[in-house]
Amino acid sequence: MQNSPPAPTGFMQFVNVPNAISVTRLLTAPGVVVLASQGWSMAFLALSLVLLMTDWVDGRIARAWNQQTTFGARLDAFSDVAIYACIAWGVYLLERDIFWGERYWLATLLGTYVLSMAVCFGKFGCLPNYHTRMSKISWFLVTVGVAALILDISLWPLRLAFVTVILANLESIAMTFLLREWRSDIPTLAHAVQESKPN
């Protein structure tokens, strides 16, 4: 079996393909707000889907090309916050009545999300970036839910996404309490429990 190349160090830990994708995603995210503010719902949906897909792509590339770095994981977490904030703002601009009607779900989602970031930042000085299975499921359901809402198909996929995002946030909080040092890419709470055990 061929050995994988060593993970990048020095300057190359900052300049690689996954990081370039994360920076592009971060800089492009405000575009969804601009599109939504103009009432261009289909363009908003298209750009949102592209941004959400790149969140999946950069992680795959980082693992496949062995370009995973601590800086890249933290940059990815920061760009994720920007994407979801901009998409939420865009949905609000396009669907204010529906947005307001779902305010209790949204308040719970936002509260658990902010708490998960605050707990991790307070303990480790950075944002969580665990990439759990639950977060991947919620990412997929948010994508489907936003599409179903903008296309006026159904609100229920988005409500299901709300539940999974809240559960993912609660899992993230529990993992942060358990872990002794900051880590990225931990699939489940069970894995965090295992890693928290003394050697």
C-alpha atoms as a PDB file:
ATOM      1  CA  MET A   1       0.000   0.000   0.000  1.00  0.00           C
ATOM      2  CA  GLN A   2       1.332   3.431  -0.938  1.00  0.00           C
ATOM      3  CA  ASN A   3       1.879   5.776   1.966  1.00  0.00           C
ATOM      4  CA  SER A   4      -0.079   9.030   1.896  1.00  0.00           C
ATOM      5  CA  PRO A   5       1.955  12.235   1.628  1.00  0.00           C
ATOM      6  CA  PRO A   6       2.671  14.084   4.868  1.00  0.00           C
ATOM      7  CA  ALA A   7       0.191  16.721   5.992  1.00  0.00           C
ATOM      8  CA  PRO A   8       1.233  20.230   4.937  1.00  0.00           C
ATOM      9  CA  THR A   9       3.247  22.314   7.348  1.00  0.00           C
ATOM     10  CA  GLY A  10       4.681  25.812   7.390  1.00  0.00           C
ATOM     11  CA  PHE A  11       3.345  28.174   4.747  1.00  0.00           C
ATOM     12  CA  MET A  12       1.622  25.355   2.847  1.00  0.00           C
ATOM     13  CA  GLN A  13      -0.775  24.705   5.723  1.00  0.00           C
ATOM     14  CA  PHE A  14      -2.340  28.058   4.830  1.00  0.00           C
ATOM     15  CA  VAL A  15      -2.160  27.879   1.028  1.00  0.00           C
ATOM     16  CA  ASN A  16      -3.925  24.798  -0.300  1.00  0.00           C
ATOM     17  CA  VAL A  17      -7.060  23.902  -2.243  1.00  0.00           C
ATOM     18  CA  PRO A  18      -9.454  23.303   0.698  1.00  0.00           C
ATOM     19  CA  ASN A  19      -8.494  26.630   2.270  1.00  0.00           C
ATOM     20  CA  ALA A  20      -8.945  28.405  -1.055  1.00  0.00           C
ATOM     21  CA  ILE A  21     -12.456  26.954  -1.289  1.00  0.00           C
ATOM     22  CA  SER A  22     -13.240  28.048   2.278  1.00  0.00           C
ATOM     23  CA  VAL A  23     -12.027  31.601   1.591  1.00  0.00           C
ATOM     24  CA  THR A  24     -14.036  31.750  -1.643  1.00  0.00           C
ATOM     25  CA  ARG A  25     -17.107  30.526   0.241  1.00  0.00           C
ATOM     26  CA  LEU A  26     -16.563  33.114   2.951  1.00  0.00           C
ATOM     27  CA  LEU A  27     -16.227  35.986   0.461  1.00  0.00           C
ATOM     28  CA  THR A  28     -19.177  34.828  -1.648  1.00  0.00           C
ATOM     29  CA  ALA A  29     -21.626  34.230   1.220  1.00  0.00           C
ATOM     30  CA  PRO A  30     -22.842  37.879   1.407  1.00  0.00           C
ATOM     31  CA  GLY A  31     -23.940  37.511  -2.210  1.00  0.00           C
ATOM     32  CA  VAL A  32     -26.953  35.464  -1.147  1.00  0.00           C
ATOM     33  CA  VAL A  33     -28.125  38.383   0.985  1.00  0.00           C
ATOM     34  CA  VAL A  34     -27.742  40.764  -1.954  1.00  0.00           C
ATOM     35  CA  LEU A  35     -29.734  38.449  -4.219  1.00  0.00           C
ATOM     36  CA  ALA A  36     -32.468  37.990  -1.619  1.00  0.00           C
ATOM     37  CA  SER A  37     -32.703  41.734  -1.018  1.00  0.00           C
ATOM     38  CA  GLN A  38     -33.460  42.166  -4.717  1.00  0.00           C
ATOM     39  CA  GLY A  39     -36.149  39.473  -4.597  1.00  0.00           C
ATOM     40  CA  TRP A  40     -34.235  37.161  -6.926  1.00  0.00           C
ATOM     41  CA  SER A  41     -35.309  33.957  -5.208  1.00  0.00           C
ATOM     42  CA  MET A  42     -34.070  31.501  -7.845  1.00  0.00           C
ATOM     43  CA  ALA A  43     -30.633  33.112  -7.989  1.00  0.00           C
ATOM     44  CA  PHE A  44     -30.582  33.125  -4.169  1.00  0.00           C
ATOM     45  CA  LEU A  45     -31.433  29.413  -4.129  1.00  0.00           C
ATOM     46  CA  ALA A  46     -28.820  28.565  -6.769  1.00  0.00           C
ATOM     47  CA  LEU A  47     -26.002  30.378  -4.973  1.00  0.00           C
ATOM     48  CA  SER A  48     -27.075  28.957  -1.602  1.00  0.00           C
ATOM     49  CA  LEU A  49     -26.940  25.415  -2.984  1.00  0.00           C
ATOM     50  CA  VAL A  50     -23.502  26.034  -4.482  1.00  0.00           C
ATOM     51  CA  LEU A  51     -22.191  27.375  -1.169  1.00  0.00           C
ATOM     52  CA  LEU A  52     -23.669  24.473   0.785  1.00  0.00           C
ATOM     53  CA  MET A  53     -22.135  21.996  -1.665  1.00  0.00           C
ATOM     54  CA  THR A  54     -18.680  23.536  -1.317  1.00  0.00           C
ATOM     55  CA  ASP A  55     -18.889  22.900   2.425  1.00  0.00           C
ATOM     56  CA  TRP A  56     -18.985  19.201   1.540  1.00  0.00           C
ATOM     57  CA  VAL A  57     -16.411  19.417  -1.245  1.00  0.00           C
ATOM     58  CA  ASP A  58     -13.579  21.097   0.659  1.00  0.00           C
ATOM     59  CA  GLY A  59     -13.633  18.482   3.403  1.00  0.00           C
ATOM     60  CA  ARG A  60     -13.537  15.661   0.867  1.00  0.00           C
ATOM     61  CA  ILE A  61     -10.595  17.253  -0.916  1.00  0.00           C
ATOM     62  CA  ALA A  62      -8.740  17.869   2.349  1.00  0.00           C
ATOM     63  CA  ARG A  63      -9.042  14.204   3.307  1.00  0.00           C
ATOM     64  CA  ALA A  64      -8.372  12.802  -0.171  1.00  0.00           C
ATOM     65  CA  TRP A  65      -5.284  14.974  -0.743  1.00  0.00           C
ATOM     66  CA  ASN A  66      -4.123  14.851   2.877  1.00  0.00           C
ATOM     67  CA  GLN A  67      -4.378  18.633   3.198  1.00  0.00           C
ATOM     68  CA  GLN A  68      -6.089  18.649   6.600  1.00  0.00           C
ATOM     69  CA  THR A  69      -4.652  21.283   8.942  1.00  0.00           C
ATOM     70  CA  THR A  70      -5.727  22.929  12.177  1.00  0.00           C
ATOM     71  CA  PHE A  71      -5.848  26.294  10.418  1.00  0.00           C
ATOM     72  CA  GLY A  72      -8.001  24.839   7.639  1.00  0.00           C
ATOM     73  CA  ALA A  73     -10.442  23.292  10.111  1.00  0.00           C
ATOM     74  CA  ARG A  74     -10.838  26.604  11.935  1.00  0.00           C
ATOM     75  CA  LEU A  75     -11.208  28.536   8.683  1.00  0.00           C
ATOM     76  CA  ASP A  76     -13.867  26.048   7.578  1.00  0.00           C
ATOM     77  CA  ALA A  77     -15.768  26.528  10.847  1.00  0.00           C
ATOM     78  CA  PHE A  78     -15.689  30.313  10.451  1.00  0.00           C
ATOM     79  CA  SER A  79     -16.894  30.161   6.840  1.00  0.00           C
ATOM     80  CA  ASP A  80     -19.704  27.796   7.870  1.00  0.00           C
ATOM     81  CA  VAL A  81     -20.953  30.389  10.358  1.00  0.00           C
ATOM     82  CA  ALA A  82     -20.907  33.035   7.612  1.00  0.00           C
ATOM     83  CA  ILE A  83     -22.785  30.836   5.144  1.00  0.00           C
ATOM     84  CA  TYR A  84     -25.568  29.832   7.492  1.00  0.00           C
ATOM     85  CA  ALA A  85     -25.964  33.372   8.796  1.00  0.00           C
ATOM     86  CA  CYS A  86     -26.222  34.795   5.275  1.00  0.00           C
ATOM     87  CA  ILE A  87     -28.621  32.102   4.081  1.00  0.00           C
ATOM     88  CA  ALA A  88     -30.829  32.621   7.146  1.00  0.00           C
ATOM     89  CA  TRP A  89     -30.837  36.362   6.510  1.00  0.00           C
ATOM     90  CA  GLY A  90     -31.688  35.774   2.873  1.00  0.00           C
ATOM     91  CA  VAL A  91     -34.580  33.468   3.766  1.00  0.00           C
ATOM     92  CA  TYR A  92     -35.861  36.133   6.143  1.00  0.00           C
ATOM     93  CA  LEU A  93     -35.773  38.760   3.389  1.00  0.00           C
ATOM     94  CA  LEU A  94     -37.620  36.494   0.952  1.00  0.00           C
ATOM     95  CA  GLU A  95     -40.082  34.806   3.328  1.00  0.00           C
ATOM     96  CA  ARG A  96     -40.616  37.149   6.272  1.00  0.00           C
ATOM     97  CA  ASP A  97     -44.071  35.848   7.199  1.00  0.00           C
ATOM     98  CA  ILE A  98     -42.940  32.222   7.249  1.00  0.00           C
ATOM     99  CA  PHE A  99     -39.753  33.166   9.050  1.00  0.00           C
ATOM    100  CA  TRP A 100     -41.749  34.916  11.766  1.00  0.00           C
ATOM    101  CA  GLY A 101     -44.182  32.005  11.991  1.00  0.00           C
ATOM    102  CA  GLU A 102     -41.293  29.664  12.760  1.00  0.00           C
ATOM    103  CA  ARG A 103     -39.739  32.028  15.318  1.00  0.00           C
ATOM    104  CA  TYR A 104     -39.843  29.577  18.231  1.00  0.00           C
ATOM    105  CA  TRP A 105     -38.044  26.875  16.274  1.00  0.00           C
ATOM    106  CA  LEU A 106     -35.569  29.446  15.002  1.00  0.00           C
ATOM    107  CA  ALA A 107     -34.957  30.874  18.469  1.00  0.00           C
ATOM    108  CA  THR A 108     -34.220  27.377  19.817  1.00  0.00           C
ATOM    109  CA  LEU A 109     -31.947  26.615  16.878  1.00  0.00           C
ATOM    110  CA  LEU A 110     -30.089  29.904  17.202  1.00  0.00           C
ATOM    111  CA  GLY A 111     -29.804  29.581  20.974  1.00  0.00           C
ATOM    112  CA  THR A 112     -28.278  26.096  20.843  1.00  0.00           C
ATOM    113  CA  TYR A 113     -25.989  27.130  17.974  1.00  0.00           C
ATOM    114  CA  VAL A 114     -24.672  30.191  19.789  1.00  0.00           C
ATOM    115  CA  LEU A 115     -24.285  28.160  22.973  1.00  0.00           C
ATOM    116  CA  SER A 116     -22.303  25.467  21.155  1.00  0.00           C
ATOM    117  CA  MET A 117     -19.930  28.115  19.772  1.00  0.00           C
ATOM    118  CA  ALA A 118     -19.637  29.933  23.104  1.00  0.00           C
ATOM    119  CA  VAL A 119     -18.883  26.756  25.053  1.00  0.00           C
ATOM    120  CA  CYS A 120     -16.194  25.675  22.584  1.00  0.00           C
ATOM    121  CA  PHE A 121     -14.666  29.147  22.341  1.00  0.00           C
ATOM    122  CA  GLY A 122     -14.656  29.473  26.112  1.00  0.00           C
ATOM    123  CA  LYS A 123     -12.909  26.131  26.575  1.00  0.00           C
ATOM    124  CA  PHE A 124     -10.611  25.929  23.555  1.00  0.00           C
ATOM    125  CA  GLY A 125     -10.485  29.482  22.179  1.00  0.00           C
ATOM    126  CA  CYS A 126     -11.967  28.511  18.799  1.00  0.00           C
ATOM    127  CA  LEU A 127     -15.213  27.459  17.142  1.00  0.00           C
ATOM    128  CA  PRO A 128     -16.389  23.826  17.058  1.00  0.00           C
ATOM    129  CA  ASN A 129     -15.743  21.926  13.839  1.00  0.00           C
ATOM    130  CA  TYR A 130     -16.551  18.330  14.677  1.00  0.00           C
ATOM    131  CA  HIS A 131     -18.205  17.379  11.358  1.00  0.00           C
ATOM    132  CA  THR A 132     -20.377  14.824  13.125  1.00  0.00           C
ATOM    133  CA  ARG A 133     -22.699  12.485  11.305  1.00  0.00           C
ATOM    134  CA  MET A 134     -25.641  14.364  12.793  1.00  0.00           C
ATOM    135  CA  SER A 135     -24.309  17.676  11.482  1.00  0.00           C
ATOM    136  CA  LYS A 136     -23.901  16.161   8.003  1.00  0.00           C
ATOM    137  CA  ILE A 137     -27.483  14.906   8.093  1.00  0.00           C
ATOM    138  CA  SER A 138     -28.681  18.331   9.234  1.00  0.00           C
ATOM    139  CA  TRP A 139     -26.600  20.003   6.502  1.00  0.00           C
ATOM    140  CA  PHE A 140     -28.353  17.848   3.884  1.00  0.00           C
ATOM    141  CA  LEU A 141     -31.803  18.511   5.367  1.00  0.00           C
ATOM    142  CA  VAL A 142     -31.179  22.268   5.545  1.00  0.00           C
ATOM    143  CA  THR A 143     -30.289  22.173   1.840  1.00  0.00           C
ATOM    144  CA  VAL A 144     -33.483  20.273   1.007  1.00  0.00           C
ATOM    145  CA  GLY A 145     -35.552  22.419   3.359  1.00  0.00           C
ATOM    146  CA  VAL A 146     -34.390  25.748   1.917  1.00  0.00           C
ATOM    147  CA  ALA A 147     -35.004  24.466  -1.611  1.00  0.00           C
ATOM    148  CA  ALA A 148     -38.483  23.205  -0.703  1.00  0.00           C
ATOM    149  CA  LEU A 149     -39.332  26.543   0.918  1.00  0.00           C
ATOM    150  CA  ILE A 150     -38.120  28.761  -1.935  1.00  0.00           C
ATOM    151  CA  LEU A 151     -39.778  26.519  -4.531  1.00  0.00           C
ATOM    152  CA  ASP A 152     -43.017  26.669  -2.476  1.00  0.00           C
ATOM    153  CA  ILE A 153     -43.206  22.875  -2.149  1.00  0.00           C
ATOM    154  CA  SER A 154     -43.496  22.341   1.610  1.00  0.00           C
ATOM    155  CA  LEU A 155     -42.340  23.757   4.909  1.00  0.00           C
ATOM    156  CA  TRP A 156     -41.959  20.378   6.587  1.00  0.00           C
ATOM    157  CA  PRO A 157     -38.469  19.530   5.254  1.00  0.00           C
ATOM    158  CA  LEU A 158     -37.204  22.755   6.819  1.00  0.00           C
ATOM    159  CA  ARG A 159     -38.920  21.956  10.117  1.00  0.00           C
ATOM    160  CA  LEU A 160     -37.279  18.536  10.106  1.00  0.00           C
ATOM    161  CA  ALA A 161     -33.972  20.281   9.430  1.00  0.00           C
ATOM    162  CA  PHE A 162     -34.584  22.511  12.470  1.00  0.00           C
ATOM    163  CA  VAL A 163     -34.872  19.430  14.701  1.00  0.00           C
ATOM    164  CA  THR A 164     -31.706  17.807  13.380  1.00  0.00           C
ATOM    165  CA  VAL A 165     -29.710  21.052  13.637  1.00  0.00           C
ATOM    166  CA  ILE A 166     -30.803  21.491  17.267  1.00  0.00           C
ATOM    167  CA  LEU A 167     -29.798  17.890  18.038  1.00  0.00           C
ATOM    168  CA  ALA A 168     -26.442  18.416  16.284  1.00  0.00           C
ATOM    169  CA  ASN A 169     -25.849  21.566  18.335  1.00  0.00           C
ATOM    170  CA  LEU A 170     -26.634  19.754  21.590  1.00  0.00           C
ATOM    171  CA  GLU A 171     -24.286  16.939  20.575  1.00  0.00           C
ATOM    172  CA  SER A 172     -21.567  19.511  19.845  1.00  0.00           C
ATOM    173  CA  ILE A 173     -21.988  21.042  23.313  1.00  0.00           C
ATOM    174  CA  ALA A 174     -21.712  17.637  24.983  1.00  0.00           C
ATOM    175  CA  MET A 175     -18.607  16.787  22.938  1.00  0.00           C
ATOM    176  CA  THR A 176     -16.918  20.038  23.911  1.00  0.00           C
ATOM    177  CA  PHE A 177     -17.497  19.315  27.601  1.00  0.00           C
ATOM    178  CA  LEU A 178     -16.055  15.822  27.188  1.00  0.00           C
ATOM    179  CA  LEU A 179     -12.944  16.536  25.104  1.00  0.00           C
ATOM    180  CA  ARG A 180      -9.710  17.492  26.818  1.00  0.00           C
ATOM    181  CA  GLU A 181      -8.322  19.334  23.776  1.00  0.00           C
ATOM    182  CA  TRP A 182      -9.767  20.827  20.600  1.00  0.00           C
ATOM    183  CA  ARG A 183     -10.305  18.354  17.796  1.00  0.00           C
ATOM    184  CA  SER A 184     -12.000  18.346  14.425  1.00  0.00           C
ATOM    185  CA  ASP A 185     -13.729  15.534  12.539  1.00  0.00           C
ATOM    186  CA  ILE A 186     -15.211  13.467  15.354  1.00  0.00           C
ATOM    187  CA  PRO A 187     -18.120  11.421  13.950  1.00  0.00           C
ATOM    188  CA  THR A 188     -20.317  10.933  17.012  1.00  0.00           C
ATOM    189  CA  LEU A 189     -20.675  11.641  20.704  1.00  0.00           C
ATOM    190  CA  ALA A 190     -19.643   8.033  21.352  1.00  0.00           C
ATOM    191  CA  HIS A 191     -16.296   8.724  19.671  1.00  0.00           C
ATOM    192  CA  ALA A 192     -15.819  11.803  21.868  1.00  0.00           C
ATOM    193  CA  VAL A 193     -16.553   9.689  24.955  1.00  0.00           C
ATOM    194  CA  GLN A 194     -13.923   7.206  23.827  1.00  0.00           C
ATOM    195  CA  GLU A 195     -11.347   9.926  23.174  1.00  0.00           C
ATOM    196  CA  SER A 196     -12.000  11.557  26.526  1.00  0.00           C
ATOM    197  CA  LYS A 197     -11.005   8.451  28.424  1.00  0.00           C
ATOM    198  CA  PRO A 198      -7.509   8.540  29.937  1.00  0.00           C
ATOM    199  CA  ASN A 199      -4.928   6.460  28.073  1.00  0.00           C
END
